[in-house]
């Protein structure tokens, strides 16, 4: 069994062959989805996973690390879904627009993300912002790679897409954390119109 190592942002990366760690993450996802973060303890997750409290701490060190690792794994699963959804679209602009729409929809209906955003936004907020360097970095890296690959495929000028990727991710996060505002975002057509008008043009900036 291999040991866990840290990402630069501080989150624990779980090696694929560490079945105990994966079982703990499965239990954490179920626990946090059913009862939220506030009412869930490391002991609750350990009981649900059928392991000792020490085993959980040995792999994840703290509840915050466990929460972040759980969020990162769900984020990786979402990236796979997003790839499959936007890949057939003909242009980079189309993929950016639909990717924004799919991101908002998925986060709001996802049993864990959606529930935490609705019921415990003050607890999930740090994991997406001030303590969320790993989750933010993971999403920015994901989008940077896709933007760079698409630019090359379409013969666009070679520019570093990372600043644009981070801007787009931060815009999406802000709408998830605080959907009420002067920009109408009540349904997918409004989200699509916003992305078409304000995000797609950034690709040409």
Foldseek 3Di string as FASTA:
>chain_A
DDAWDADPLGATDDDPPPVLLVLLLVLVQVQCLVPNDVPDDLCSSCVSSVHDSVVNCRRQVGPVNSVLNSVQVVVVVVLVVLCVVQVVDDAPLSSQLVSLLSLLVCQCPPSNNNVCLVPPLVVCVCCVPVSVPPVLVVQLVSVQVVLQVRCVVVVHDDDRCSVLSSVSVVVSVVCSNPVDDPQDDPDSVSSSVCSSVPNSVVSVD
